[in-house]
PDB file of all heavy atoms in Angstrom:
ATOM      1  N   ALA A   1      22.486  10.459  -4.886  1.00  0.00           N
ATOM      2  CA  ALA A   1      22.762  11.538  -3.910  1.00  0.00           C
ATOM      3  C   ALA A   1      24.203  11.450  -3.412  1.00  0.00           C
ATOM      4  O   ALA A   1      24.881  12.478  -3.255  1.00  0.00           O
ATOM      5  CB  ALA A   1      21.783  11.394  -2.726  1.00  0.00           C
ATOM      6  N   GLY A   2      24.686  10.201  -3.163  1.00  0.00           N
ATOM      7  CA  GLY A   2      26.051   9.999  -2.692  1.00  0.00           C
ATOM      8  C   GLY A   2      27.090  10.536  -3.717  1.00  0.00           C
ATOM      9  O   GLY A   2      28.098  11.202  -3.403  1.00  0.00           O
ATOM     10  N   ALA A   3      26.755  10.274  -5.021  1.00  0.00           N
ATOM     11  CA  ALA A   3      27.672  10.745  -6.081  1.00  0.00           C
ATOM     12  C   ALA A   3      27.646  12.308  -6.169  1.00  0.00           C
ATOM     13  O   ALA A   3      28.664  12.922  -6.268  1.00  0.00           O
ATOM     14  CB  ALA A   3      27.249  10.146  -7.388  1.00  0.00           C
ATOM     15  N   VAL A   4      26.463  12.846  -6.076  1.00  0.00           N
ATOM     16  CA  VAL A   4      26.320  14.312  -6.172  1.00  0.00           C
ATOM     17  C   VAL A   4      27.020  15.012  -4.965  1.00  0.00           C
ATOM     18  O   VAL A   4      27.666  16.017  -5.130  1.00  0.00           O
ATOM     19  CB  VAL A   4      24.855  14.770  -6.261  1.00  0.00           C
ATOM     20  CG1 VAL A   4      24.651  16.275  -6.175  1.00  0.00           C
ATOM     21  CG2 VAL A   4      24.239  14.248  -7.604  1.00  0.00           C
ATOM     22  N   ILE A   5      26.719  14.453  -3.808  1.00  0.00           N
ATOM     23  CA  ILE A   5      27.370  15.023  -2.545  1.00  0.00           C
ATOM     24  C   ILE A   5      28.905  14.904  -2.667  1.00  0.00           C
ATOM     25  O   ILE A   5      29.582  15.876  -2.281  1.00  0.00           O
ATOM     26  CB  ILE A   5      26.844  14.304  -1.314  1.00  0.00           C
ATOM     27  CG1 ILE A   5      25.386  14.637  -1.052  1.00  0.00           C
ATOM     28  CG2 ILE A   5      27.661  14.704  -0.066  1.00  0.00           C
ATOM     29  CD1 ILE A   5      24.666  13.880   0.005  1.00  0.00           C
ATOM     30  N   GLY A   6      29.342  13.762  -3.164  1.00  0.00           N
ATOM     31  CA  GLY A   6      30.783  13.580  -3.350  1.00  0.00           C
ATOM     32  C   GLY A   6      31.361  14.620  -4.297  1.00  0.00           C
ATOM     33  O   GLY A   6      32.408  15.214  -4.078  1.00  0.00           O
ATOM     34  N   LEU A   7      30.628  14.918  -5.378  1.00  0.00           N
ATOM     35  CA  LEU A   7      31.071  15.969  -6.361  1.00  0.00           C
ATOM     36  C   LEU A   7      31.049  17.325  -5.684  1.00  0.00           C
ATOM     37  O   LEU A   7      31.932  18.182  -5.917  1.00  0.00           O
ATOM     38  CB  LEU A   7      30.180  15.968  -7.523  1.00  0.00           C
ATOM     39  CG  LEU A   7      30.316  14.680  -8.477  1.00  0.00           C
ATOM     40  CD1 LEU A   7      29.241  14.685  -9.545  1.00  0.00           C
ATOM     41  CD2 LEU A   7      31.716  14.568  -9.072  1.00  0.00           C
ATOM     42  N   LEU A   8      30.032  17.542  -4.841  1.00  0.00           N
ATOM     43  CA  LEU A   8      29.931  18.848  -4.146  1.00  0.00           C
ATOM     44  C   LEU A   8      31.120  19.062  -3.172  1.00  0.00           C
ATOM     45  O   LEU A   8      31.686  20.122  -3.094  1.00  0.00           O
ATOM     46  CB  LEU A   8      28.641  18.981  -3.315  1.00  0.00           C
ATOM     47  CG  LEU A   8      27.330  19.198  -4.122  1.00  0.00           C
ATOM     48  CD1 LEU A   8      26.094  18.981  -3.288  1.00  0.00           C
ATOM     49  CD2 LEU A   8      27.337  20.541  -4.753  1.00  0.00           C
ATOM     50  N   VAL A   9      31.469  18.013  -2.441  1.00  0.00           N
ATOM     51  CA  VAL A   9      32.512  18.118  -1.375  1.00  0.00           C
ATOM     52  C   VAL A   9      33.934  18.171  -2.044  1.00  0.00           C
ATOM     53  O   VAL A   9      34.746  18.961  -1.725  1.00  0.00           O
ATOM     54  CB  VAL A   9      32.385  16.885  -0.478  1.00  0.00           C
ATOM     55  CG1 VAL A   9      33.597  16.882   0.478  1.00  0.00           C
ATOM     56  CG2 VAL A   9      31.111  16.932   0.377  1.00  0.00           C
ATOM     57  N   MET A  10      34.091  17.278  -3.041  1.00  0.00           N
ATOM     58  CA  MET A  10      35.456  17.164  -3.639  1.00  0.00           C
ATOM     59  C   MET A  10      35.608  18.081  -4.902  1.00  0.00           C
ATOM     60  O   MET A  10      36.729  18.344  -5.301  1.00  0.00           O
ATOM     61  CB  MET A  10      35.728  15.716  -4.003  1.00  0.00           C
ATOM     62  CG  MET A  10      35.642  14.777  -2.752  1.00  0.00           C
ATOM     63  SD  MET A  10      35.937  13.019  -3.195  1.00  0.00           S
ATOM     64  CE  MET A  10      37.703  13.075  -3.524  1.00  0.00           C
ATOM     65  N   HIS A  11      34.471  18.423  -5.512  1.00  0.00           N
ATOM     66  CA  HIS A  11      34.388  19.207  -6.759  1.00  0.00           C
ATOM     67  C   HIS A  11      35.620  18.954  -7.642  1.00  0.00           C
ATOM     68  O   HIS A  11      36.398  19.825  -7.924  1.00  0.00           O
ATOM     69  CB  HIS A  11      34.218  20.661  -6.488  1.00  0.00           C
ATOM     70  CG  HIS A  11      35.150  21.270  -5.474  1.00  0.00           C
ATOM     71  ND1 HIS A  11      36.391  21.735  -5.754  1.00  0.00           N
ATOM     72  CD2 HIS A  11      34.906  21.550  -4.143  1.00  0.00           C
ATOM     73  CE1 HIS A  11      36.932  22.184  -4.629  1.00  0.00           C
ATOM     74  NE2 HIS A  11      36.076  22.119  -3.677  1.00  0.00           N
ATOM     75  N   PRO A  12      35.771  17.723  -8.099  1.00  0.00           N
ATOM     76  CA  PRO A  12      36.947  17.367  -8.979  1.00  0.00           C
ATOM     77  C   PRO A  12      36.911  18.021 -10.350  1.00  0.00           C
ATOM     78  O   PRO A  12      35.804  18.373 -10.832  1.00  0.00           O
ATOM     79  CB  PRO A  12      36.863  15.820  -9.070  1.00  0.00           C
ATOM     80  CG  PRO A  12      35.369  15.559  -8.955  1.00  0.00           C
ATOM     81  CD  PRO A  12      34.832  16.569  -8.044  1.00  0.00           C
ATOM     82  N   SER A  13      38.036  18.052 -11.002  1.00  0.00           N
ATOM     83  CA  SER A  13      38.061  18.543 -12.360  1.00  0.00           C
ATOM     84  C   SER A  13      37.828  17.390 -13.325  1.00  0.00           C
ATOM     85  O   SER A  13      38.144  16.233 -13.026  1.00  0.00           O
ATOM     86  CB  SER A  13      39.446  19.189 -12.664  1.00  0.00           C
ATOM     87  OG  SER A  13      39.609  20.313 -11.838  1.00  0.00           O
ATOM     88  N   ILE A  14      37.255  17.710 -14.522  1.00  0.00           N
ATOM     89  CA  ILE A  14      37.125  16.746 -15.564  1.00  0.00           C
ATOM     90  C   ILE A  14      38.397  16.612 -16.302  1.00  0.00           C
ATOM     91  O   ILE A  14      38.884  17.602 -16.954  1.00  0.00           O
ATOM     92  CB  ILE A  14      35.987  17.192 -16.531  1.00  0.00           C
ATOM     93  CG1 ILE A  14      34.655  17.305 -15.810  1.00  0.00           C
ATOM     94  CG2 ILE A  14      35.869  16.129 -17.663  1.00  0.00           C
ATOM     95  CD1 ILE A  14      34.130  16.000 -15.135  1.00  0.00           C
ATOM     96  N   ASN A  15      39.086  15.520 -16.219  1.00  0.00           N
ATOM     97  CA  ASN A  15      40.429  15.364 -16.772  1.00  0.00           C
ATOM     98  C   ASN A  15      40.427  14.803 -18.160  1.00  0.00           C
ATOM     99  O   ASN A  15      41.451  14.623 -18.756  1.00  0.00           O
ATOM    100  CB  ASN A  15      41.265  14.411 -15.855  1.00  0.00           C
ATOM    101  CG  ASN A  15      41.441  14.985 -14.455  1.00  0.00           C
ATOM    102  OD1 ASN A  15      41.718  16.139 -14.329  1.00  0.00           O
ATOM    103  ND2 ASN A  15      41.355  14.135 -13.456  1.00  0.00           N
ATOM    104  N   LEU A  16      39.226  14.504 -18.697  1.00  0.00           N
ATOM    105  CA  LEU A  16      39.117  14.031 -20.066  1.00  0.00           C
ATOM    106  C   LEU A  16      39.195  15.167 -21.008  1.00  0.00           C
ATOM    107  O   LEU A  16      38.847  16.341 -20.694  1.00  0.00           O
ATOM    108  CB  LEU A  16      37.795  13.309 -20.272  1.00  0.00           C
ATOM    109  CG  LEU A  16      37.643  11.949 -19.535  1.00  0.00           C
ATOM    110  CD1 LEU A  16      36.184  11.560 -19.554  1.00  0.00           C
ATOM    111  CD2 LEU A  16      38.487  10.864 -20.233  1.00  0.00           C
ATOM    112  N   PRO A  17      39.600  14.964 -22.287  1.00  0.00           N
ATOM    113  CA  PRO A  17      39.568  16.063 -23.328  1.00  0.00           C
ATOM    114  C   PRO A  17      38.133  16.497 -23.570  1.00  0.00           C
ATOM    115  O   PRO A  17      37.229  15.783 -23.443  1.00  0.00           O
ATOM    116  CB  PRO A  17      40.183  15.347 -24.552  1.00  0.00           C
ATOM    117  CG  PRO A  17      40.900  14.111 -24.043  1.00  0.00           C
ATOM    118  CD  PRO A  17      40.145  13.722 -22.835  1.00  0.00           C
ATOM    119  N   VAL A  18      37.991  17.748 -23.925  1.00  0.00           N
ATOM    120  CA  VAL A  18      36.635  18.348 -24.251  1.00  0.00           C
ATOM    121  C   VAL A  18      36.145  17.599 -25.459  1.00  0.00           C
ATOM    122  O   VAL A  18      35.016  17.089 -25.485  1.00  0.00           O
ATOM    123  CB  VAL A  18      36.757  19.788 -24.501  1.00  0.00           C
ATOM    124  CG1 VAL A  18      35.418  20.390 -24.906  1.00  0.00           C
ATOM    125  CG2 VAL A  18      37.302  20.555 -23.256  1.00  0.00           C
ATOM    126  N   VAL A  19      36.966  17.522 -26.547  1.00  0.00           N
ATOM    127  CA  VAL A  19      36.602  16.761 -27.717  1.00  0.00           C
ATOM    128  C   VAL A  19      37.895  16.114 -28.221  1.00  0.00           C
ATOM    129  O   VAL A  19      39.004  16.707 -28.140  1.00  0.00           O
ATOM    130  CB  VAL A  19      36.116  17.734 -28.839  1.00  0.00           C
ATOM    131  CG1 VAL A  19      35.736  16.928 -30.137  1.00  0.00           C
ATOM    132  CG2 VAL A  19      34.882  18.514 -28.391  1.00  0.00           C
ATOM    133  N   THR A  20      37.780  14.854 -28.673  1.00  0.00           N
ATOM    134  CA  THR A  20      38.947  14.111 -29.164  1.00  0.00           C
ATOM    135  C   THR A  20      38.982  14.178 -30.703  1.00  0.00           C
ATOM    136  O   THR A  20      39.650  14.956 -31.290  1.00  0.00           O
ATOM    137  CB  THR A  20      38.929  12.709 -28.660  1.00  0.00           C
ATOM    138  OG1 THR A  20      37.710  12.050 -29.049  1.00  0.00           O
ATOM    139  CG2 THR A  20      39.122  12.622 -27.187  1.00  0.00           C
ATOM    140  N   SER A  21      38.207  13.241 -31.338  1.00  0.00           N
ATOM    141  CA  SER A  21      38.222  13.130 -32.773  1.00  0.00           C
ATOM    142  C   SER A  21      36.935  12.575 -33.267  1.00  0.00           C
ATOM    143  O   SER A  21      36.215  11.953 -32.486  1.00  0.00           O
ATOM    144  CB  SER A  21      39.414  12.300 -33.187  1.00  0.00           C
ATOM    145  OG  SER A  21      39.342  12.006 -34.617  1.00  0.00           O
ATOM    146  N   PHE A  22      36.604  12.867 -34.509  1.00  0.00           N
ATOM    147  CA  PHE A  22      35.386  12.299 -35.177  1.00  0.00           C
ATOM    148  C   PHE A  22      35.580  10.788 -35.307  1.00  0.00           C
ATOM    149  O   PHE A  22      34.593  10.043 -35.264  1.00  0.00           O
ATOM    150  CB  PHE A  22      35.133  12.982 -36.457  1.00  0.00           C
ATOM    151  CG  PHE A  22      33.752  12.617 -37.013  1.00  0.00           C
ATOM    152  CD1 PHE A  22      32.587  13.226 -36.652  1.00  0.00           C
ATOM    153  CD2 PHE A  22      33.683  11.522 -37.939  1.00  0.00           C
ATOM    154  CE1 PHE A  22      31.378  12.846 -37.205  1.00  0.00           C
ATOM    155  CE2 PHE A  22      32.465  11.186 -38.470  1.00  0.00           C
ATOM    156  CZ  PHE A  22      31.285  11.802 -38.143  1.00  0.00           C
ATOM    157  N   ASN A  23      36.757  10.360 -35.512  1.00  0.00           N
ATOM    158  CA  ASN A  23      37.102   8.934 -35.700  1.00  0.00           C
ATOM    159  C   ASN A  23      38.006   8.459 -34.609  1.00  0.00           C
ATOM    160  O   ASN A  23      39.167   8.947 -34.550  1.00  0.00           O
ATOM    161  CB  ASN A  23      37.718   8.751 -37.136  1.00  0.00           C
ATOM    162  CG  ASN A  23      37.883   7.230 -37.430  1.00  0.00           C
ATOM    163  OD1 ASN A  23      38.044   6.408 -36.564  1.00  0.00           O
ATOM    164  ND2 ASN A  23      37.873   6.891 -38.687  1.00  0.00           N
ATOM    165  N   VAL A  24      37.574   7.567 -33.782  1.00  0.00           N
ATOM    166  CA  VAL A  24      38.371   7.041 -32.613  1.00  0.00           C
ATOM    167  C   VAL A  24      38.518   5.560 -32.812  1.00  0.00           C
ATOM    168  O   VAL A  24      37.585   4.814 -32.619  1.00  0.00           O
ATOM    169  CB  VAL A  24      37.805   7.367 -31.251  1.00  0.00           C
ATOM    170  CG1 VAL A  24      38.681   6.839 -30.151  1.00  0.00           C
ATOM    171  CG2 VAL A  24      37.632   8.941 -31.158  1.00  0.00           C
ATOM    172  N   ASN A  25      39.728   5.030 -33.175  1.00  0.00           N
ATOM    173  CA  ASN A  25      39.988   3.681 -33.363  1.00  0.00           C
ATOM    174  C   ASN A  25      38.941   3.013 -34.303  1.00  0.00           C
ATOM    175  O   ASN A  25      38.470   1.908 -34.057  1.00  0.00           O
ATOM    176  CB  ASN A  25      39.944   2.880 -31.993  1.00  0.00           C
ATOM    177  CG  ASN A  25      41.073   3.460 -31.117  1.00  0.00           C
ATOM    178  OD1 ASN A  25      42.184   3.742 -31.529  1.00  0.00           O
ATOM    179  ND2 ASN A  25      40.732   3.548 -29.761  1.00  0.00           N
ATOM    180  N   GLY A  26      38.648   3.719 -35.388  1.00  0.00           N
ATOM    181  CA  GLY A  26      37.730   3.130 -36.389  1.00  0.00           C
ATOM    182  C   GLY A  26      36.248   3.334 -36.065  1.00  0.00           C
ATOM    183  O   GLY A  26      35.361   2.987 -36.865  1.00  0.00           O
ATOM    184  N   LYS A  27      35.961   3.965 -34.929  1.00  0.00           N
ATOM    185  CA  LYS A  27      34.579   4.229 -34.517  1.00  0.00           C
ATOM    186  C   LYS A  27      34.226   5.646 -34.782  1.00  0.00           C
ATOM    187  O   LYS A  27      34.902   6.569 -34.200  1.00  0.00           O
ATOM    188  CB  LYS A  27      34.314   3.856 -33.058  1.00  0.00           C
ATOM    189  CG  LYS A  27      34.537   2.347 -32.796  1.00  0.00           C
ATOM    190  CD  LYS A  27      34.236   1.989 -31.294  1.00  0.00           C
ATOM    191  CE  LYS A  27      34.422   0.508 -31.032  1.00  0.00           C
ATOM    192  NZ  LYS A  27      34.156   0.178 -29.617  1.00  0.00           N
ATOM    193  N   MET A  28      33.214   5.899 -35.607  1.00  0.00           N
ATOM    194  CA  MET A  28      32.815   7.310 -35.945  1.00  0.00           C
ATOM    195  C   MET A  28      31.874   7.818 -34.961  1.00  0.00           C
ATOM    196  O   MET A  28      30.969   7.169 -34.492  1.00  0.00           O
ATOM    197  CB  MET A  28      32.173   7.267 -37.399  1.00  0.00           C
ATOM    198  CG  MET A  28      32.960   6.491 -38.383  1.00  0.00           C
ATOM    199  SD  MET A  28      34.624   7.252 -38.768  1.00  0.00           S
ATOM    200  CE  MET A  28      34.081   8.690 -39.716  1.00  0.00           C
ATOM    201  N   LEU A  29      32.055   9.141 -34.626  1.00  0.00           N
ATOM    202  CA  LEU A  29      31.184   9.841 -33.715  1.00  0.00           C
ATOM    203  C   LEU A  29      29.686   9.676 -34.170  1.00  0.00           C
ATOM    204  O   LEU A  29      28.843   9.480 -33.329  1.00  0.00           O
ATOM    205  CB  LEU A  29      31.577  11.274 -33.603  1.00  0.00           C
ATOM    206  CG  LEU A  29      30.839  12.143 -32.555  1.00  0.00           C
ATOM    207  CD1 LEU A  29      31.791  13.150 -31.944  1.00  0.00           C
ATOM    208  CD2 LEU A  29      29.633  12.823 -33.115  1.00  0.00           C
ATOM    209  N   PHE A  30      29.475   9.775 -35.462  1.00  0.00           N
ATOM    210  CA  PHE A  30      28.189   9.391 -36.018  1.00  0.00           C
ATOM    211  C   PHE A  30      28.295   8.152 -36.773  1.00  0.00           C
ATOM    212  O   PHE A  30      29.100   8.016 -37.638  1.00  0.00           O
ATOM    213  CB  PHE A  30      27.677  10.540 -37.019  1.00  0.00           C
ATOM    214  CG  PHE A  30      26.320  10.174 -37.587  1.00  0.00           C
ATOM    215  CD1 PHE A  30      25.186  10.653 -36.911  1.00  0.00           C
ATOM    216  CD2 PHE A  30      26.166   9.399 -38.709  1.00  0.00           C
ATOM    217  CE1 PHE A  30      23.895  10.297 -37.408  1.00  0.00           C
ATOM    218  CE2 PHE A  30      24.906   9.091 -39.267  1.00  0.00           C
ATOM    219  CZ  PHE A  30      23.737   9.529 -38.557  1.00  0.00           C
ATOM    220  N   PRO A  31      27.593   7.061 -36.324  1.00  0.00           N
ATOM    221  CA  PRO A  31      26.465   7.097 -35.399  1.00  0.00           C
ATOM    222  C   PRO A  31      26.806   6.622 -34.011  1.00  0.00           C
ATOM    223  O   PRO A  31      25.847   6.513 -33.211  1.00  0.00           O
ATOM    224  CB  PRO A  31      25.555   6.093 -36.071  1.00  0.00           C
ATOM    225  CG  PRO A  31      26.518   5.066 -36.637  1.00  0.00           C
ATOM    226  CD  PRO A  31      27.723   5.812 -37.079  1.00  0.00           C
ATOM    227  N   MET A  32      28.053   6.304 -33.705  1.00  0.00           N
ATOM    228  CA  MET A  32      28.323   5.597 -32.461  1.00  0.00           C
ATOM    229  C   MET A  32      27.974   6.290 -31.220  1.00  0.00           C
ATOM    230  O   MET A  32      27.535   5.683 -30.217  1.00  0.00           O
ATOM    231  CB  MET A  32      29.831   5.193 -32.405  1.00  0.00           C
ATOM    232  CG  MET A  32      30.210   4.150 -33.476  1.00  0.00           C
ATOM    233  SD  MET A  32      29.084   2.685 -33.498  1.00  0.00           S
ATOM    234  CE  MET A  32      29.304   2.040 -31.813  1.00  0.00           C
ATOM    235  N   LEU A  33      28.232   7.625 -31.186  1.00  0.00           N
ATOM    236  CA  LEU A  33      27.870   8.382 -29.963  1.00  0.00           C
ATOM    237  C   LEU A  33      26.378   8.189 -29.573  1.00  0.00           C
ATOM    238  O   LEU A  33      26.010   8.013 -28.454  1.00  0.00           O
ATOM    239  CB  LEU A  33      28.133   9.864 -30.154  1.00  0.00           C
ATOM    240  CG  LEU A  33      27.675  10.823 -29.097  1.00  0.00           C
ATOM    241  CD1 LEU A  33      28.425  10.570 -27.782  1.00  0.00           C
ATOM    242  CD2 LEU A  33      27.789  12.252 -29.456  1.00  0.00           C
ATOM    243  N   PHE A  34      25.526   8.270 -30.638  1.00  0.00           N
ATOM    244  CA  PHE A  34      24.056   8.267 -30.465  1.00  0.00           C
ATOM    245  C   PHE A  34      23.503   6.843 -30.134  1.00  0.00           C
ATOM    246  O   PHE A  34      22.416   6.684 -29.654  1.00  0.00           O
ATOM    247  CB  PHE A  34      23.341   8.854 -31.603  1.00  0.00           C
ATOM    248  CG  PHE A  34      23.883  10.265 -31.964  1.00  0.00           C
ATOM    249  CD1 PHE A  34      24.855  10.389 -32.890  1.00  0.00           C
ATOM    250  CD2 PHE A  34      23.370  11.349 -31.276  1.00  0.00           C
ATOM    251  CE1 PHE A  34      25.368  11.689 -33.174  1.00  0.00           C
ATOM    252  CE2 PHE A  34      23.887  12.611 -31.541  1.00  0.00           C
ATOM    253  CZ  PHE A  34      24.867  12.778 -32.523  1.00  0.00           C
ATOM    254  N   VAL A  35      24.338   5.824 -30.501  1.00  0.00           N
ATOM    255  CA  VAL A  35      23.972   4.469 -30.185  1.00  0.00           C
ATOM    256  C   VAL A  35      24.530   4.078 -28.830  1.00  0.00           C
ATOM    257  O   VAL A  35      23.862   3.369 -28.020  1.00  0.00           O
ATOM    258  CB  VAL A  35      24.483   3.522 -31.243  1.00  0.00           C
ATOM    259  CG1 VAL A  35      24.285   2.061 -30.869  1.00  0.00           C
ATOM    260  CG2 VAL A  35      23.760   3.800 -32.592  1.00  0.00           C
ATOM    261  N   THR A  36      25.761   4.533 -28.505  1.00  0.00           N
ATOM    262  CA  THR A  36      26.367   4.176 -27.262  1.00  0.00           C
ATOM    263  C   THR A  36      25.638   4.806 -26.078  1.00  0.00           C
ATOM    264  O   THR A  36      25.455   4.175 -25.040  1.00  0.00           O
ATOM    265  CB  THR A  36      27.863   4.703 -27.272  1.00  0.00           C
ATOM    266  OG1 THR A  36      28.543   4.149 -28.397  1.00  0.00           O
ATOM    267  CG2 THR A  36      28.575   4.248 -26.056  1.00  0.00           C
ATOM    268  N   ILE A  37      25.258   6.091 -26.192  1.00  0.00           N
ATOM    269  CA  ILE A  37      24.495   6.695 -25.082  1.00  0.00           C
ATOM    270  C   ILE A  37      23.003   6.546 -25.528  1.00  0.00           C
ATOM    271  O   ILE A  37      22.487   7.344 -26.268  1.00  0.00           O
ATOM    272  CB  ILE A  37      24.832   8.177 -24.881  1.00  0.00           C
ATOM    273  CG1 ILE A  37      26.310   8.279 -24.527  1.00  0.00           C
ATOM    274  CG2 ILE A  37      24.012   8.755 -23.763  1.00  0.00           C
ATOM    275  CD1 ILE A  37      26.790   9.729 -24.334  1.00  0.00           C
ATOM    276  N   ALA A  38      22.379   5.543 -24.952  1.00  0.00           N
ATOM    277  CA  ALA A  38      20.936   5.346 -25.172  1.00  0.00           C
ATOM    278  C   ALA A  38      20.180   5.735 -23.911  1.00  0.00           C
ATOM    279  O   ALA A  38      19.619   6.830 -23.873  1.00  0.00           O
ATOM    280  CB  ALA A  38      20.690   3.869 -25.556  1.00  0.00           C
TER     281      ALA A  38
END
């Protein structure tokens, strides 16, 4: 709730890129994305 309220009050922008690359420092989006976010 604190995080959501903070986002509501400050409504910050997402400063990260929308998409970077399929290969980031030798780590492939498949399968690493689906293993990293479990």
